[in-house]
Amino acid sequence: MVVAALCNGRKCTDQKKLGGMGVLDLDRFSRALRLRWLWFEWKDPDRPWVGGNLPVNEVDRQLFRASTIVTVGNGKTAKFWEASWLQGKAPRDIAPRLYKLAWRKHLTVKEQLENQS
């Protein structure tokens, strides 16, 4: 209760050398960890947890898409709907209604082009 009363505003999480208490901002820290999981899912698909349900929410995924730009290359790893490969935007963000109607949401760009879908 005393700590909560002292931690009003940014004073609690500011660095000690800036006059704060130096307490870790758990909201930001946990968001950074969740974004790191999304990054590793993209960069290192051989990790054992890739392909499972990551503990990320839609806001985390939107932030990840907004802060990354994908170069497609051969299209084997870029997810058609999720990756930001169309002028830095993901197709699901450009056409959200069309995304809701799509039933094969997890195919790569290469798989979509091969299926001519």
N, C-alpha and C. Protein backbone atom coordinates (compact mmCIF):
# COMPACT_ATOMS: atom_id res chain seq x y z
N MET A 1 0.81 -1.18 0.00
CA MET A 1 0.00 0.00 0.00
C MET A 1 0.87 1.26 0.00
N VAL A 2 1.94 1.25 0.78
CA VAL A 2 2.83 2.41 0.85
C VAL A 2 3.53 2.61 -0.49
N VAL A 3 3.99 1.50 -1.11
CA VAL A 3 4.67 1.59 -2.39
C VAL A 3 3.72 2.13 -3.45
N ALA A 4 2.48 1.66 -3.46
CA ALA A 4 1.49 2.14 -4.43
C ALA A 4 1.27 3.64 -4.26
N ALA A 5 1.26 4.11 -3.03
CA ALA A 5 1.06 5.54 -2.79
C ALA A 5 2.26 6.35 -3.27
N LEU A 6 3.45 5.78 -3.16
CA LEU A 6 4.66 6.47 -3.60
C LEU A 6 4.82 6.44 -5.11
N CYS A 7 4.27 5.42 -5.75
CA CYS A 7 4.47 5.21 -7.18
C CYS A 7 3.38 5.83 -8.03
N ASN A 8 3.09 7.06 -7.83
CA ASN A 8 2.12 7.72 -8.70
C ASN A 8 2.88 8.35 -9.88
N GLY A 9 2.38 8.08 -11.07
CA GLY A 9 3.02 8.63 -12.27
C GLY A 9 4.32 7.93 -12.61
N ARG A 10 5.20 8.61 -13.31
CA ARG A 10 6.45 8.06 -13.81
C ARG A 10 7.56 8.06 -12.75
N LYS A 11 7.37 8.73 -11.65
CA LYS A 11 8.41 8.86 -10.63
C LYS A 11 8.90 7.50 -10.16
N CYS A 12 8.02 6.54 -10.09
CA CYS A 12 8.36 5.20 -9.59
C CYS A 12 9.30 4.47 -10.56
N THR A 13 9.03 4.57 -11.85
CA THR A 13 9.80 3.81 -12.83
C THR A 13 10.96 4.59 -13.43
N ASP A 14 11.10 5.86 -13.11
CA ASP A 14 12.27 6.62 -13.58
C ASP A 14 13.53 6.06 -12.94
N GLN A 15 14.64 6.20 -13.64
CA GLN A 15 15.92 5.75 -13.10
C GLN A 15 16.26 6.51 -11.82
N LYS A 16 17.00 5.86 -10.96
CA LYS A 16 17.37 6.50 -9.69
C LYS A 16 18.19 7.76 -9.93
N LYS A 17 19.09 7.71 -10.92
CA LYS A 17 19.93 8.89 -11.17
C LYS A 17 19.13 10.07 -11.72
N LEU A 18 17.87 9.80 -12.14
CA LEU A 18 17.00 10.88 -12.60
C LEU A 18 15.97 11.27 -11.54
N GLY A 19 16.16 10.75 -10.31
CA GLY A 19 15.28 11.11 -9.21
C GLY A 19 14.13 10.14 -8.98
N GLY A 20 14.09 9.05 -9.73
CA GLY A 20 13.01 8.07 -9.56
C GLY A 20 13.41 6.97 -8.61
N MET A 21 12.55 5.96 -8.51
CA MET A 21 12.80 4.84 -7.62
C MET A 21 13.47 3.66 -8.32
N GLY A 22 13.51 3.67 -9.65
CA GLY A 22 14.17 2.61 -10.40
C GLY A 22 13.41 1.30 -10.45
N VAL A 23 12.11 1.33 -10.22
CA VAL A 23 11.29 0.12 -10.26
C VAL A 23 11.02 -0.23 -11.72
N LEU A 24 11.16 -1.51 -12.06
CA LEU A 24 10.93 -1.98 -13.42
C LEU A 24 9.46 -1.81 -13.80
N ASP A 25 9.21 -1.24 -14.97
CA ASP A 25 7.84 -1.11 -15.49
C ASP A 25 7.46 -2.45 -16.10
N LEU A 26 6.70 -3.24 -15.36
CA LEU A 26 6.38 -4.61 -15.77
C LEU A 26 5.53 -4.68 -17.03
N ASP A 27 4.69 -3.69 -17.27
CA ASP A 27 3.89 -3.69 -18.50
C ASP A 27 4.78 -3.59 -19.72
N ARG A 28 5.71 -2.66 -19.69
CA ARG A 28 6.62 -2.50 -20.83
C ARG A 28 7.58 -3.68 -20.96
N PHE A 29 8.06 -4.16 -19.84
CA PHE A 29 9.00 -5.28 -19.87
C PHE A 29 8.34 -6.53 -20.43
N SER A 30 7.12 -6.82 -20.00
CA SER A 30 6.44 -8.01 -20.51
C SER A 30 6.08 -7.85 -21.99
N ARG A 31 5.72 -6.64 -22.41
CA ARG A 31 5.45 -6.42 -23.84
C ARG A 31 6.72 -6.66 -24.65
N ALA A 32 7.86 -6.19 -24.16
CA ALA A 32 9.13 -6.41 -24.87
C ALA A 32 9.44 -7.90 -24.99
N LEU A 33 9.18 -8.66 -23.96
CA LEU A 33 9.42 -10.10 -24.00
C LEU A 33 8.50 -10.79 -25.01
N ARG A 34 7.23 -10.37 -25.03
CA ARG A 34 6.29 -10.97 -25.98
C ARG A 34 6.67 -10.63 -27.42
N LEU A 35 7.13 -9.41 -27.66
CA LEU A 35 7.57 -9.03 -29.00
C LEU A 35 8.83 -9.80 -29.39
N ARG A 36 9.67 -10.09 -28.41
CA ARG A 36 10.87 -10.88 -28.68
C ARG A 36 10.49 -12.30 -29.12
N TRP A 37 9.45 -12.88 -28.51
CA TRP A 37 8.99 -14.20 -28.95
C TRP A 37 8.53 -14.15 -30.40
N LEU A 38 7.81 -13.11 -30.78
CA LEU A 38 7.38 -12.97 -32.17
C LEU A 38 8.57 -12.82 -33.11
N TRP A 39 9.59 -12.09 -32.64
CA TRP A 39 10.80 -11.92 -33.46
C TRP A 39 11.51 -13.26 -33.65
N PHE A 40 11.67 -14.00 -32.57
CA PHE A 40 12.33 -15.31 -32.68
C PHE A 40 11.49 -16.28 -33.51
N GLU A 41 10.19 -16.20 -33.45
CA GLU A 41 9.33 -17.05 -34.28
C GLU A 41 9.62 -16.78 -35.75
N TRP A 42 9.91 -15.52 -36.07
CA TRP A 42 10.20 -15.14 -37.45
C TRP A 42 11.63 -15.51 -37.85
N LYS A 43 12.60 -15.16 -37.00
CA LYS A 43 14.01 -15.33 -37.35
C LYS A 43 14.57 -16.73 -37.10
N ASP A 44 14.01 -17.47 -36.17
CA ASP A 44 14.56 -18.78 -35.80
C ASP A 44 13.42 -19.79 -35.67
N PRO A 45 12.88 -20.24 -36.81
CA PRO A 45 11.71 -21.12 -36.76
C PRO A 45 11.99 -22.51 -36.21
N ASP A 46 13.25 -22.83 -35.91
CA ASP A 46 13.59 -24.14 -35.37
C ASP A 46 13.47 -24.22 -33.85
N ARG A 47 13.12 -23.12 -33.22
CA ARG A 47 12.94 -23.16 -31.76
C ARG A 47 11.78 -24.10 -31.43
N PRO A 48 11.89 -24.81 -30.30
CA PRO A 48 10.88 -25.83 -30.00
C PRO A 48 9.46 -25.30 -29.79
N TRP A 49 9.30 -24.06 -29.39
CA TRP A 49 7.98 -23.52 -29.12
C TRP A 49 7.32 -22.88 -30.34
N VAL A 50 8.06 -22.77 -31.45
CA VAL A 50 7.49 -22.16 -32.65
C VAL A 50 6.41 -23.08 -33.22
N GLY A 51 5.30 -22.51 -33.57
CA GLY A 51 4.18 -23.28 -34.10
C GLY A 51 3.11 -23.52 -33.05
N GLY A 52 3.47 -23.32 -31.79
CA GLY A 52 2.49 -23.45 -30.70
C GLY A 52 1.79 -22.13 -30.49
N ASN A 53 0.98 -22.09 -29.49
CA ASN A 53 0.27 -20.85 -29.14
C ASN A 53 1.16 -19.98 -28.28
N LEU A 54 1.64 -18.88 -28.83
CA LEU A 54 2.45 -17.95 -28.07
C LEU A 54 1.55 -17.12 -27.17
N PRO A 55 2.02 -16.75 -25.99
CA PRO A 55 1.20 -15.93 -25.09
C PRO A 55 1.24 -14.45 -25.49
N VAL A 56 0.82 -14.17 -26.71
CA VAL A 56 0.78 -12.79 -27.21
C VAL A 56 -0.67 -12.45 -27.54
N ASN A 57 -1.00 -11.18 -27.45
CA ASN A 57 -2.35 -10.76 -27.80
C ASN A 57 -2.35 -10.02 -29.13
N GLU A 58 -3.50 -9.60 -29.57
CA GLU A 58 -3.62 -8.94 -30.87
C GLU A 58 -2.86 -7.61 -30.90
N VAL A 59 -2.83 -6.90 -29.79
CA VAL A 59 -2.08 -5.63 -29.74
C VAL A 59 -0.59 -5.90 -29.95
N ASP A 60 -0.07 -6.97 -29.34
CA ASP A 60 1.34 -7.34 -29.54
C ASP A 60 1.61 -7.62 -31.02
N ARG A 61 0.72 -8.37 -31.65
CA ARG A 61 0.91 -8.71 -33.07
C ARG A 61 0.82 -7.47 -33.96
N GLN A 62 -0.11 -6.57 -33.64
CA GLN A 62 -0.21 -5.33 -34.41
C GLN A 62 1.04 -4.48 -34.26
N LEU A 63 1.54 -4.38 -33.06
CA LEU A 63 2.76 -3.61 -32.82
C LEU A 63 3.94 -4.23 -33.56
N PHE A 64 4.03 -5.55 -33.53
CA PHE A 64 5.11 -6.23 -34.25
C PHE A 64 5.01 -5.97 -35.76
N ARG A 65 3.80 -6.08 -36.31
CA ARG A 65 3.63 -5.82 -37.75
C ARG A 65 3.96 -4.38 -38.09
N ALA A 66 3.58 -3.45 -37.22
CA ALA A 66 3.82 -2.03 -37.49
C ALA A 66 5.30 -1.66 -37.39
N SER A 67 6.05 -2.44 -36.64
CA SER A 67 7.46 -2.09 -36.43
C SER A 67 8.43 -2.94 -37.24
N THR A 68 7.92 -3.78 -38.12
CA THR A 68 8.79 -4.60 -38.97
C THR A 68 8.39 -4.45 -40.43
N ILE A 69 9.37 -4.58 -41.29
CA ILE A 69 9.13 -4.60 -42.73
C ILE A 69 9.77 -5.88 -43.26
N VAL A 70 9.03 -6.62 -44.05
CA VAL A 70 9.50 -7.91 -44.54
C VAL A 70 9.86 -7.79 -46.01
N THR A 71 11.03 -8.31 -46.35
CA THR A 71 11.41 -8.49 -47.74
C THR A 71 11.09 -9.94 -48.08
N VAL A 72 10.25 -10.15 -49.07
CA VAL A 72 9.70 -11.47 -49.33
C VAL A 72 10.74 -12.47 -49.78
N GLY A 73 11.61 -12.11 -50.70
CA GLY A 73 12.58 -13.09 -51.22
C GLY A 73 11.84 -14.20 -51.95
N ASN A 74 12.08 -15.46 -51.55
CA ASN A 74 11.40 -16.57 -52.21
C ASN A 74 10.02 -16.85 -51.64
N GLY A 75 9.64 -16.17 -50.57
CA GLY A 75 8.30 -16.28 -50.01
C GLY A 75 8.06 -17.48 -49.11
N LYS A 76 9.11 -18.24 -48.80
CA LYS A 76 8.93 -19.46 -47.99
C LYS A 76 8.62 -19.17 -46.53
N THR A 77 9.09 -18.06 -45.99
CA THR A 77 8.89 -17.79 -44.57
C THR A 77 7.89 -16.66 -44.30
N ALA A 78 7.67 -15.80 -45.27
CA ALA A 78 6.76 -14.67 -45.06
C ALA A 78 5.31 -15.15 -45.09
N LYS A 79 4.62 -14.97 -43.97
CA LYS A 79 3.19 -15.33 -43.91
C LYS A 79 2.41 -14.31 -44.74
N PHE A 80 1.58 -14.81 -45.63
CA PHE A 80 0.86 -13.94 -46.56
C PHE A 80 0.07 -12.86 -45.85
N TRP A 81 -0.74 -13.21 -44.86
CA TRP A 81 -1.61 -12.25 -44.20
C TRP A 81 -0.92 -11.50 -43.07
N GLU A 82 0.03 -12.11 -42.39
CA GLU A 82 0.60 -11.55 -41.17
C GLU A 82 1.84 -10.66 -41.39
N ALA A 83 2.66 -10.99 -42.36
CA ALA A 83 3.92 -10.27 -42.55
C ALA A 83 3.69 -8.92 -43.24
N SER A 84 4.50 -7.94 -42.89
CA SER A 84 4.40 -6.59 -43.46
C SER A 84 5.21 -6.51 -44.74
N TRP A 85 4.71 -7.14 -45.80
CA TRP A 85 5.47 -7.23 -47.04
C TRP A 85 4.90 -6.37 -48.17
N LEU A 86 3.77 -5.74 -47.99
CA LEU A 86 3.20 -4.86 -49.01
C LEU A 86 3.45 -3.41 -48.63
N GLN A 87 4.53 -2.86 -49.14
CA GLN A 87 4.92 -1.48 -48.83
C GLN A 87 4.94 -1.23 -47.33
N GLY A 88 5.47 -2.21 -46.59
CA GLY A 88 5.61 -2.09 -45.15
C GLY A 88 4.34 -2.36 -44.36
N LYS A 89 3.31 -2.89 -45.02
CA LYS A 89 2.06 -3.18 -44.32
C LYS A 89 1.66 -4.63 -44.56
N ALA A 90 0.99 -5.19 -43.57
CA ALA A 90 0.48 -6.55 -43.69
C ALA A 90 -0.87 -6.53 -44.40
N PRO A 91 -1.13 -7.49 -45.30
CA PRO A 91 -2.43 -7.53 -45.99
C PRO A 91 -3.62 -7.53 -45.04
N ARG A 92 -3.48 -8.16 -43.86
CA ARG A 92 -4.62 -8.18 -42.93
C ARG A 92 -4.93 -6.80 -42.39
N ASP A 93 -3.94 -5.90 -42.36
CA ASP A 93 -4.17 -4.53 -41.91
C ASP A 93 -4.72 -3.66 -43.04
N ILE A 94 -4.38 -4.00 -44.28
CA ILE A 94 -4.86 -3.25 -45.44
C ILE A 94 -6.32 -3.60 -45.73
N ALA A 95 -6.64 -4.90 -45.64
CA ALA A 95 -8.00 -5.36 -45.96
C ALA A 95 -8.54 -6.24 -44.84
N PRO A 96 -8.90 -5.65 -43.69
CA PRO A 96 -9.35 -6.46 -42.55
C PRO A 96 -10.62 -7.26 -42.81
N ARG A 97 -11.53 -6.75 -43.62
CA ARG A 97 -12.76 -7.50 -43.92
C ARG A 97 -12.47 -8.71 -44.78
N LEU A 98 -11.57 -8.55 -45.73
CA LEU A 98 -11.16 -9.68 -46.57
C LEU A 98 -10.43 -10.72 -45.73
N TYR A 99 -9.62 -10.26 -44.79
CA TYR A 99 -8.91 -11.17 -43.89
C TYR A 99 -9.90 -12.02 -43.09
N LYS A 100 -10.98 -11.42 -42.63
CA LYS A 100 -11.98 -12.17 -41.86
C LYS A 100 -12.61 -13.27 -42.70
N LEU A 101 -12.75 -13.05 -44.00
CA LEU A 101 -13.36 -14.04 -44.88
C LEU A 101 -12.38 -15.14 -45.30
N ALA A 102 -11.10 -14.85 -45.25
CA ALA A 102 -10.09 -15.83 -45.68
C ALA A 102 -10.10 -17.03 -44.74
N TRP A 103 -10.00 -18.22 -45.29
CA TRP A 103 -10.02 -19.40 -44.44
C TRP A 103 -8.67 -20.07 -44.36
N ARG A 104 -7.72 -19.70 -45.18
CA ARG A 104 -6.35 -20.22 -45.08
C ARG A 104 -5.43 -19.07 -44.67
N LYS A 105 -5.47 -18.73 -43.41
CA LYS A 105 -4.78 -17.54 -42.92
C LYS A 105 -3.30 -17.75 -42.61
N HIS A 106 -2.83 -18.97 -42.54
CA HIS A 106 -1.46 -19.20 -42.10
C HIS A 106 -0.53 -19.66 -43.22
N LEU A 107 -0.93 -19.50 -44.46
CA LEU A 107 -0.07 -19.89 -45.57
C LEU A 107 0.97 -18.80 -45.83
N THR A 108 2.09 -19.22 -46.39
CA THR A 108 3.14 -18.27 -46.73
C THR A 108 2.81 -17.60 -48.07
N VAL A 109 3.59 -16.58 -48.41
CA VAL A 109 3.40 -15.89 -49.70
C VAL A 109 3.61 -16.89 -50.83
N LYS A 110 4.64 -17.72 -50.72
CA LYS A 110 4.92 -18.71 -51.77
C LYS A 110 3.76 -19.68 -51.94
N GLU A 111 3.23 -20.18 -50.84
CA GLU A 111 2.11 -21.14 -50.92
C GLU A 111 0.88 -20.50 -51.52
N GLN A 112 0.62 -19.25 -51.19
CA GLN A 112 -0.55 -18.55 -51.77
C GLN A 112 -0.37 -18.37 -53.28
N LEU A 113 0.85 -18.01 -53.69
CA LEU A 113 1.09 -17.81 -55.13
C LEU A 113 1.04 -19.11 -55.90
N GLU A 114 1.54 -20.18 -55.31
CA GLU A 114 1.51 -21.49 -55.97
C GLU A 114 0.08 -21.98 -56.12
N ASN A 115 -0.77 -21.71 -55.14
CA ASN A 115 -2.17 -22.11 -55.19
C ASN A 115 -3.01 -21.15 -56.03
N GLN A 116 -2.38 -20.10 -56.50
CA GLN A 116 -3.06 -19.04 -57.28
C GLN A 116 -4.30 -18.54 -56.53
N SER A 117 -4.12 -18.35 -55.23
CA SER A 117 -5.25 -17.85 -54.44
C SER A 117 -4.97 -16.44 -54.08
